[in-house]
Amino acid sequence: MSDKHITSSKEPMALDLLRRSDRDREQHGDRIPPGQKVTERWPIFTYGSTPRIDLKEWKFIVAGAVEEEMAFTWEELNALPQIAVVTDVHCVTGWTKLDNEWRGVPFREMARLVQPKPEAQHVMAHCYGGYTTNIPLADLMRDDVLLAHTHNGQPLAPEHGGPLRLVIPHLYFWKSAKWLRGLLFIPDERPGFWEQYGYHIRGDPWKEERYS
């Protein structure tokens, strides 16, 4: 097969993706970041297997540069103040899912409880299965950032990060870490799992911060 044939076979697919992205942005206006396409499905992208977590043994730990390190059982976490938010989701692989309703504990409530020290400028999210991702504390302090256990009225399914996942709507979805088990407040930014493999250190979809 010649190089010319390979190139020509790929062009229609690339053009179709660009047209679909343009149509979605025309239809939904400024809700769709550049290079994204709207989907009704919820694609599943996971590195490794899906952890199976026993809620009786589940533990959530907040530590690092905070005034009071804390640990929560599932019951204790669900006893904290809860909010519901409706947000769009933008995946670095190019899909956007609109109007997701999440319910869970607002990150600001967690920060209020542990009281980050002045030197705490970043947070490393730690997850069951060993995954990590880094987030600036300023990004986490927005009103719509939460530790979510419910999606569209149903408990968050394991394949989508249940029982608990971080939800940071204004960043690419890999920052909304699945299977959350802890938050470590840190002074300096350190790359998490995908960031060490070339993903962007912050991940703003509006700036197309996909890769470093």
C-alpha atoms as a PDB file:
ATOM      1  CA  MET A   1       0.000   0.000   0.000  1.00  0.00           C
ATOM      2  CA  SER A   2       1.475   3.356  -1.009  1.00  0.00           C
ATOM      3  CA  ASP A   3       1.888   6.366   1.259  1.00  0.00           C
ATOM      4  CA  LYS A   4      -0.445   8.283  -1.036  1.00  0.00           C
ATOM      5  CA  HIS A   5      -3.204   5.726  -0.519  1.00  0.00           C
ATOM      6  CA  ILE A   6      -2.727   5.765   3.268  1.00  0.00           C
ATOM      7  CA  THR A   7      -2.949   9.546   3.384  1.00  0.00           C
ATOM      8  CA  SER A   8      -6.036   9.765   1.204  1.00  0.00           C
ATOM      9  CA  SER A   9      -7.839   7.093   3.236  1.00  0.00           C
ATOM     10  CA  LYS A  10      -7.343   9.054   6.425  1.00  0.00           C
ATOM     11  CA  GLU A  11      -8.386  12.447   5.069  1.00  0.00           C
ATOM     12  CA  PRO A  12     -12.163  11.797   4.909  1.00  0.00           C
ATOM     13  CA  MET A  13     -12.167  10.574   8.536  1.00  0.00           C
ATOM     14  CA  ALA A  14     -10.204  13.599   9.746  1.00  0.00           C
ATOM     15  CA  LEU A  15     -12.438  15.989   7.809  1.00  0.00           C
ATOM     16  CA  ASP A  16     -15.551  14.304   9.190  1.00  0.00           C
ATOM     17  CA  LEU A  17     -14.284  14.709  12.752  1.00  0.00           C
ATOM     18  CA  LEU A  18     -13.556  18.397  12.135  1.00  0.00           C
ATOM     19  CA  ARG A  19     -16.990  18.948  10.617  1.00  0.00           C
ATOM     20  CA  ARG A  20     -18.694  17.195  13.536  1.00  0.00           C
ATOM     21  CA  SER A  21     -16.720  19.335  15.987  1.00  0.00           C
ATOM     22  CA  ASP A  22     -17.682  22.507  14.093  1.00  0.00           C
ATOM     23  CA  ARG A  23     -21.373  21.469  13.983  1.00  0.00           C
ATOM     24  CA  ASP A  24     -21.395  20.771  17.728  1.00  0.00           C
ATOM     25  CA  ARG A  25     -19.854  24.142  18.497  1.00  0.00           C
ATOM     26  CA  GLU A  26     -22.394  25.882  16.240  1.00  0.00           C
ATOM     27  CA  GLN A  27     -25.275  24.055  17.946  1.00  0.00           C
ATOM     28  CA  HIS A  28     -24.112  24.386  21.543  1.00  0.00           C
ATOM     29  CA  GLY A  29     -22.176  27.620  21.342  1.00  0.00           C
ATOM     30  CA  ASP A  30     -19.433  28.280  23.856  1.00  0.00           C
ATOM     31  CA  ARG A  31     -20.163  25.078  25.825  1.00  0.00           C
ATOM     32  CA  ILE A  32     -17.988  23.018  23.491  1.00  0.00           C
ATOM     33  CA  PRO A  33     -14.197  23.481  23.699  1.00  0.00           C
ATOM     34  CA  PRO A  34     -12.118  23.330  20.504  1.00  0.00           C
ATOM     35  CA  GLY A  35     -11.649  19.853  19.055  1.00  0.00           C
ATOM     36  CA  GLN A  36     -14.496  18.257  21.035  1.00  0.00           C
ATOM     37  CA  LYS A  37     -17.504  16.271  19.748  1.00  0.00           C
ATOM     38  CA  VAL A  38     -20.750  15.770  21.665  1.00  0.00           C
ATOM     39  CA  THR A  39     -21.773  12.226  22.575  1.00  0.00           C
ATOM     40  CA  GLU A  40     -24.865  10.839  24.279  1.00  0.00           C
ATOM     41  CA  ARG A  41     -22.892   7.825  25.491  1.00  0.00           C
ATOM     42  CA  TRP A  42     -20.414   7.786  28.348  1.00  0.00           C
ATOM     43  CA  PRO A  43     -17.260   6.166  26.946  1.00  0.00           C
ATOM     44  CA  ILE A  44     -15.095   4.210  29.376  1.00  0.00           C
ATOM     45  CA  PHE A  45     -11.342   4.704  29.296  1.00  0.00           C
ATOM     46  CA  THR A  46      -9.416   3.096  32.133  1.00  0.00           C
ATOM     47  CA  TYR A  47      -5.781   2.190  32.599  1.00  0.00           C
ATOM     48  CA  GLY A  48      -5.755  -1.229  34.216  1.00  0.00           C
ATOM     49  CA  SER A  49      -8.662  -3.103  35.767  1.00  0.00           C
ATOM     50  CA  THR A  50     -11.614  -1.618  37.635  1.00  0.00           C
ATOM     51  CA  PRO A  51     -11.144  -1.898  41.416  1.00  0.00           C
ATOM     52  CA  ARG A  52     -13.902  -3.636  43.343  1.00  0.00           C
ATOM     53  CA  ILE A  53     -14.241  -1.798  46.634  1.00  0.00           C
ATOM     54  CA  ASP A  54     -16.032  -2.973  49.754  1.00  0.00           C
ATOM     55  CA  LEU A  55     -17.764   0.043  51.295  1.00  0.00           C
ATOM     56  CA  LYS A  56     -17.402  -1.521  54.745  1.00  0.00           C
ATOM     57  CA  GLU A  57     -13.630  -1.276  54.344  1.00  0.00           C
ATOM     58  CA  TRP A  58     -13.554   1.917  52.269  1.00  0.00           C
ATOM     59  CA  LYS A  59     -11.582   4.787  53.780  1.00  0.00           C
ATOM     60  CA  PHE A  60     -11.002   8.334  52.588  1.00  0.00           C
ATOM     61  CA  ILE A  61      -7.936  10.165  53.926  1.00  0.00           C
ATOM     62  CA  VAL A  62      -7.025  13.859  53.696  1.00  0.00           C
ATOM     63  CA  ALA A  63      -3.444  14.665  54.715  1.00  0.00           C
ATOM     64  CA  GLY A  64      -0.337  16.726  54.001  1.00  0.00           C
ATOM     65  CA  ALA A  65      -0.085  20.485  54.477  1.00  0.00           C
ATOM     66  CA  VAL A  66      -3.308  20.870  56.469  1.00  0.00           C
ATOM     67  CA  GLU A  67      -4.033  21.908  60.036  1.00  0.00           C
ATOM     68  CA  GLU A  68      -5.982  18.712  60.742  1.00  0.00           C
ATOM     69  CA  GLU A  69      -5.501  15.452  58.883  1.00  0.00           C
ATOM     70  CA  MET A  70      -8.730  13.487  58.692  1.00  0.00           C
ATOM     71  CA  ALA A  71     -10.030  10.047  57.717  1.00  0.00           C
ATOM     72  CA  PHE A  72     -13.625   9.184  56.823  1.00  0.00           C
ATOM     73  CA  THR A  73     -15.616   6.000  56.552  1.00  0.00           C
ATOM     74  CA  TRP A  74     -18.279   5.797  53.835  1.00  0.00           C
ATOM     75  CA  GLU A  75     -20.974   6.647  56.369  1.00  0.00           C
ATOM     76  CA  GLU A  76     -19.008   9.594  57.753  1.00  0.00           C
ATOM     77  CA  LEU A  77     -18.354  11.020  54.301  1.00  0.00           C
ATOM     78  CA  ASN A  78     -22.029  10.795  53.374  1.00  0.00           C
ATOM     79  CA  ALA A  79     -22.977  12.567  56.607  1.00  0.00           C
ATOM     80  CA  LEU A  80     -21.153  15.704  55.408  1.00  0.00           C
ATOM     81  CA  PRO A  81     -23.026  18.512  53.617  1.00  0.00           C
ATOM     82  CA  GLN A  82     -24.001  17.545  50.069  1.00  0.00           C
ATOM     83  CA  ILE A  83     -24.644  19.506  46.891  1.00  0.00           C
ATOM     84  CA  ALA A  84     -25.909  18.713  43.403  1.00  0.00           C
ATOM     85  CA  VAL A  85     -24.412  20.333  40.301  1.00  0.00           C
ATOM     86  CA  VAL A  86     -25.107  19.966  36.581  1.00  0.00           C
ATOM     87  CA  THR A  87     -21.979  20.160  34.439  1.00  0.00           C
ATOM     88  CA  ASP A  88     -20.529  19.217  31.078  1.00  0.00           C
ATOM     89  CA  VAL A  89     -17.689  16.699  30.800  1.00  0.00           C
ATOM     90  CA  HIS A  90     -14.800  17.124  28.345  1.00  0.00           C
ATOM     91  CA  CYS A  91     -12.476  14.158  27.772  1.00  0.00           C
ATOM     92  CA  VAL A  92      -8.967  14.653  26.426  1.00  0.00           C
ATOM     93  CA  THR A  93      -9.712  11.980  23.794  1.00  0.00           C
ATOM     94  CA  GLY A  94     -12.158  14.371  22.132  1.00  0.00           C
ATOM     95  CA  TRP A  95     -15.669  13.639  23.404  1.00  0.00           C
ATOM     96  CA  THR A  96     -17.954  15.917  25.413  1.00  0.00           C
ATOM     97  CA  LYS A  97     -20.994  14.759  27.379  1.00  0.00           C
ATOM     98  CA  LEU A  98     -23.448  17.523  28.259  1.00  0.00           C
ATOM     99  CA  ASP A  99     -25.693  18.064  31.288  1.00  0.00           C
ATOM    100  CA  ASN A 100     -24.381  15.555  33.813  1.00  0.00           C
ATOM    101  CA  GLU A 101     -25.989  15.811  37.231  1.00  0.00           C
ATOM    102  CA  TRP A 102     -23.604  14.996  40.073  1.00  0.00           C
ATOM    103  CA  ARG A 103     -24.222  14.774  43.789  1.00  0.00           C
ATOM    104  CA  GLY A 104     -21.617  14.632  46.518  1.00  0.00           C
ATOM    105  CA  VAL A 105     -19.513  16.571  48.997  1.00  0.00           C
ATOM    106  CA  PRO A 106     -18.263  19.955  47.800  1.00  0.00           C
ATOM    107  CA  PHE A 107     -14.486  20.203  47.850  1.00  0.00           C
ATOM    108  CA  ARG A 108     -14.803  23.506  49.697  1.00  0.00           C
ATOM    109  CA  GLU A 109     -16.440  21.673  52.596  1.00  0.00           C
ATOM    110  CA  MET A 110     -13.514  19.276  52.781  1.00  0.00           C
ATOM    111  CA  ALA A 111     -11.078  22.198  52.703  1.00  0.00           C
ATOM    112  CA  ARG A 112     -13.042  23.908  55.478  1.00  0.00           C
ATOM    113  CA  LEU A 113     -12.715  20.827  57.656  1.00  0.00           C
ATOM    114  CA  VAL A 114      -8.985  20.196  57.189  1.00  0.00           C
ATOM    115  CA  GLN A 115      -7.900  23.863  56.863  1.00  0.00           C
ATOM    116  CA  PRO A 116      -5.068  23.912  54.289  1.00  0.00           C
ATOM    117  CA  LYS A 117      -1.907  25.603  55.506  1.00  0.00           C
ATOM    118  CA  PRO A 118      -0.679  28.719  53.645  1.00  0.00           C
ATOM    119  CA  GLU A 119       1.999  26.714  51.849  1.00  0.00           C
ATOM    120  CA  ALA A 120      -0.569  24.276  50.411  1.00  0.00           C
ATOM    121  CA  GLN A 121      -0.881  25.330  46.771  1.00  0.00           C
ATOM    122  CA  HIS A 122      -1.525  21.989  45.083  1.00  0.00           C
ATOM    123  CA  VAL A 123      -3.293  18.698  45.750  1.00  0.00           C
ATOM    124  CA  MET A 124      -2.431  15.185  44.639  1.00  0.00           C
ATOM    125  CA  ALA A 125      -5.463  12.945  44.284  1.00  0.00           C
ATOM    126  CA  HIS A 126      -4.795   9.302  45.216  1.00  0.00           C
ATOM    127  CA  CYS A 127      -7.032   6.497  44.032  1.00  0.00           C
ATOM    128  CA  TYR A 128      -7.693   2.815  44.567  1.00  0.00           C
ATOM    129  CA  GLY A 129      -5.642   0.988  41.956  1.00  0.00           C
ATOM    130  CA  GLY A 130      -2.673   3.327  42.339  1.00  0.00           C
ATOM    131  CA  TYR A 131      -3.725   6.158  40.008  1.00  0.00           C
ATOM    132  CA  THR A 132      -2.772   9.736  40.900  1.00  0.00           C
ATOM    133  CA  THR A 133      -3.350  13.155  39.379  1.00  0.00           C
ATOM    134  CA  ASN A 134      -2.260  16.642  40.419  1.00  0.00           C
ATOM    135  CA  ILE A 135      -4.531  19.694  40.660  1.00  0.00           C
ATOM    136  CA  PRO A 136      -3.814  23.297  41.705  1.00  0.00           C
ATOM    137  CA  LEU A 137      -5.700  24.124  44.893  1.00  0.00           C
ATOM    138  CA  ALA A 138      -7.188  27.196  43.207  1.00  0.00           C
ATOM    139  CA  ASP A 139      -8.888  24.947  40.627  1.00  0.00           C
ATOM    140  CA  LEU A 140     -10.399  22.793  43.357  1.00  0.00           C
ATOM    141  CA  MET A 141     -11.892  25.735  45.256  1.00  0.00           C
ATOM    142  CA  ARG A 142     -14.537  26.488  42.614  1.00  0.00           C
ATOM    143  CA  ASP A 143     -18.211  26.178  43.522  1.00  0.00           C
ATOM    144  CA  ASP A 144     -18.924  23.212  41.206  1.00  0.00           C
ATOM    145  CA  VAL A 145     -15.997  20.971  42.219  1.00  0.00           C
ATOM    146  CA  LEU A 146     -17.077  18.021  44.357  1.00  0.00           C
ATOM    147  CA  LEU A 147     -16.385  14.513  45.546  1.00  0.00           C
ATOM    148  CA  ALA A 148     -19.187  12.773  43.684  1.00  0.00           C
ATOM    149  CA  HIS A 149     -20.942   9.521  44.567  1.00  0.00           C
ATOM    150  CA  THR A 150     -24.053   9.944  42.375  1.00  0.00           C
ATOM    151  CA  HIS A 151     -24.501  10.565  38.637  1.00  0.00           C
ATOM    152  CA  ASN A 152     -27.905  11.395  37.127  1.00  0.00           C
ATOM    153  CA  GLY A 153     -29.687  10.144  40.221  1.00  0.00           C
ATOM    154  CA  GLN A 154     -27.914   6.780  40.427  1.00  0.00           C
ATOM    155  CA  PRO A 155     -24.944   5.631  42.530  1.00  0.00           C
ATOM    156  CA  LEU A 156     -21.783   6.103  40.515  1.00  0.00           C
ATOM    157  CA  ALA A 157     -21.013   2.803  38.753  1.00  0.00           C
ATOM    158  CA  PRO A 158     -17.600   1.200  39.381  1.00  0.00           C
ATOM    159  CA  GLU A 159     -16.561   1.530  35.739  1.00  0.00           C
ATOM    160  CA  HIS A 160     -17.189   5.275  35.968  1.00  0.00           C
ATOM    161  CA  GLY A 161     -15.232   5.734  39.180  1.00  0.00           C
ATOM    162  CA  GLY A 162     -17.638   4.633  41.900  1.00  0.00           C
ATOM    163  CA  PRO A 163     -18.021   4.664  44.757  1.00  0.00           C
ATOM    164  CA  LEU A 164     -16.377   8.126  44.751  1.00  0.00           C
ATOM    165  CA  ARG A 165     -14.714  10.234  42.113  1.00  0.00           C
ATOM    166  CA  LEU A 166     -13.432  13.771  41.923  1.00  0.00           C
ATOM    167  CA  VAL A 167     -15.376  16.042  39.550  1.00  0.00           C
ATOM    168  CA  ILE A 168     -13.602  19.140  38.209  1.00  0.00           C
ATOM    169  CA  PRO A 169     -15.827  20.285  35.321  1.00  0.00           C
ATOM    170  CA  HIS A 170     -13.588  23.038  33.922  1.00  0.00           C
ATOM    171  CA  LEU A 171     -10.584  20.730  33.354  1.00  0.00           C
ATOM    172  CA  TYR A 172     -10.207  17.703  31.090  1.00  0.00           C
ATOM    173  CA  PHE A 173     -11.909  14.688  32.605  1.00  0.00           C
ATOM    174  CA  TRP A 174      -8.739  12.735  33.454  1.00  0.00           C
ATOM    175  CA  LYS A 175      -8.301  15.243  36.280  1.00  0.00           C
ATOM    176  CA  SER A 176     -11.647  14.057  37.727  1.00  0.00           C
ATOM    177  CA  ALA A 177      -9.954  11.051  39.272  1.00  0.00           C
ATOM    178  CA  LYS A 178     -11.878   7.769  39.582  1.00  0.00           C
ATOM    179  CA  TRP A 179     -12.022   5.595  42.726  1.00  0.00           C
ATOM    180  CA  LEU A 180     -10.879   8.400  44.971  1.00  0.00           C
ATOM    181  CA  ARG A 181      -9.373   7.339  48.293  1.00  0.00           C
ATOM    182  CA  GLY A 182      -7.399  10.369  49.411  1.00  0.00           C
ATOM    183  CA  LEU A 183      -6.196  13.921  48.888  1.00  0.00           C
ATOM    184  CA  LEU A 184      -2.674  15.030  49.719  1.00  0.00           C
ATOM    185  CA  PHE A 185      -2.147  18.795  50.082  1.00  0.00           C
ATOM    186  CA  ILE A 186       1.346  19.772  48.920  1.00  0.00           C
ATOM    187  CA  PRO A 187       3.372  23.004  48.513  1.00  0.00           C
ATOM    188  CA  ASP A 188       4.826  22.279  45.061  1.00  0.00           C
ATOM    189  CA  GLU A 189       3.264  20.867  41.937  1.00  0.00           C
ATOM    190  CA  ARG A 190       4.213  17.267  41.153  1.00  0.00           C
ATOM    191  CA  PRO A 191       3.057  15.342  38.086  1.00  0.00           C
ATOM    192  CA  GLY A 192       0.558  12.546  38.604  1.00  0.00           C
ATOM    193  CA  PHE A 193       0.272   9.290  36.655  1.00  0.00           C
ATOM    194  CA  TRP A 194      -0.734  10.528  33.187  1.00  0.00           C
ATOM    195  CA  GLU A 195       1.180  13.778  33.610  1.00  0.00           C
ATOM    196  CA  GLN A 196       4.376  11.740  33.933  1.00  0.00           C
ATOM    197  CA  TYR A 197       3.534  10.113  30.594  1.00  0.00           C
ATOM    198  CA  GLY A 198       3.150  13.361  28.693  1.00  0.00           C
ATOM    199  CA  TYR A 199      -0.303  14.693  29.531  1.00  0.00           C
ATOM    200  CA  HIS A 200      -0.481  18.409  30.271  1.00  0.00           C
ATOM    201  CA  ILE A 201       0.262  19.426  33.843  1.00  0.00           C
ATOM    202  CA  ARG A 202      -3.062  21.356  34.153  1.00  0.00           C
ATOM    203  CA  GLY A 203      -5.431  20.286  31.370  1.00  0.00           C
ATOM    204  CA  ASP A 204      -7.616  23.264  30.417  1.00  0.00           C
ATOM    205  CA  PRO A 205      -9.895  22.108  27.540  1.00  0.00           C
ATOM    206  CA  TRP A 206     -10.534  25.663  26.358  1.00  0.00           C
ATOM    207  CA  LYS A 207      -6.809  26.083  25.739  1.00  0.00           C
ATOM    208  CA  GLU A 208      -6.518  22.500  24.389  1.00  0.00           C
ATOM    209  CA  GLU A 209      -3.953  21.664  27.054  1.00  0.00           C
ATOM    210  CA  ARG A 210      -3.987  17.981  26.151  1.00  0.00           C
ATOM    211  CA  TYR A 211      -0.293  17.121  26.177  1.00  0.00           C
ATOM    212  CA  SER A 212       2.911  18.720  27.401  1.00  0.00           C
END
